[in-house]
């Protein structure tokens, strides 16, 4: 497991994006769909939208 520790000074530099970045949304979605958890959660949907 990856753990990241932030100090109070680190948190001073954290910025929140104004909105989602479409490219990162696609990248994260594709990664999620390729995992075992993604296959279980989205398997029925994938079969429904994939041509035979």
Protein backbone atom coordinates (compact mmCIF):
# COMPACT_ATOMS: atom_id res chain seq x y z
CA UNK A 1 0.00 0.00 0.00
CA UNK A 2 1.26 3.45 -0.87
CA UNK A 3 1.14 6.03 1.90
CA UNK A 4 1.71 9.71 1.38
CA UNK A 5 2.37 11.94 4.36
CA UNK A 6 1.67 15.66 4.14
CA UNK A 7 3.01 18.22 6.53
CA UNK A 8 1.13 21.41 7.34
CA UNK A 9 3.50 23.24 5.01
CA UNK A 10 2.73 20.80 2.19
CA UNK A 11 -0.98 21.44 2.60
CA UNK A 12 -0.43 25.17 2.13
CA UNK A 13 0.44 24.43 -1.50
CA UNK A 14 -2.51 22.16 -2.29
CA UNK A 15 -4.83 23.61 -4.91
CA UNK A 16 -8.24 22.34 -5.97
CA UNK A 17 -9.00 22.27 -9.68
CA UNK A 18 -11.92 24.33 -10.94
CA UNK A 19 -13.31 21.29 -12.72
CA UNK A 20 -12.44 17.82 -13.95
CA UNK A 21 -9.93 17.40 -16.75
CA UNK A 22 -11.57 15.33 -19.52
CA UNK A 23 -8.35 13.52 -20.46
CA UNK A 24 -7.65 12.44 -16.87
CA UNK A 25 -11.27 11.29 -16.55
CA UNK A 26 -10.73 9.01 -19.55
CA UNK A 27 -7.37 7.72 -18.29
CA UNK A 28 -8.73 6.91 -14.83
CA UNK A 29 -11.87 5.30 -16.28
CA UNK A 30 -9.89 3.04 -18.61
CA UNK A 31 -7.58 2.01 -15.76
CA UNK A 32 -10.59 1.21 -13.57
CA UNK A 33 -12.27 -0.85 -16.29
CA UNK A 34 -9.09 -2.93 -16.72
CA UNK A 35 -8.89 -4.02 -13.07
CA UNK A 36 -10.56 -7.11 -11.64
CA UNK A 37 -12.82 -4.88 -9.55
CA UNK A 38 -13.80 -2.99 -12.68
CA UNK A 39 -14.60 -6.22 -14.51
CA UNK A 40 -16.88 -7.31 -11.68
CA UNK A 41 -18.61 -3.95 -11.25
CA UNK A 42 -18.94 -3.10 -14.95
CA UNK A 43 -19.02 -6.57 -16.56
CA UNK A 44 -22.74 -6.51 -17.43
CA UNK A 45 -22.43 -3.00 -18.88
CA UNK A 46 -19.36 -3.94 -20.93
CA UNK A 47 -21.16 -6.97 -22.40
CA UNK A 48 -24.19 -4.80 -23.25
CA UNK A 49 -22.19 -2.16 -25.13
CA UNK A 50 -19.63 -4.43 -26.82
CA UNK A 51 -20.55 -5.61 -30.31
CA UNK A 52 -20.75 -9.38 -30.77
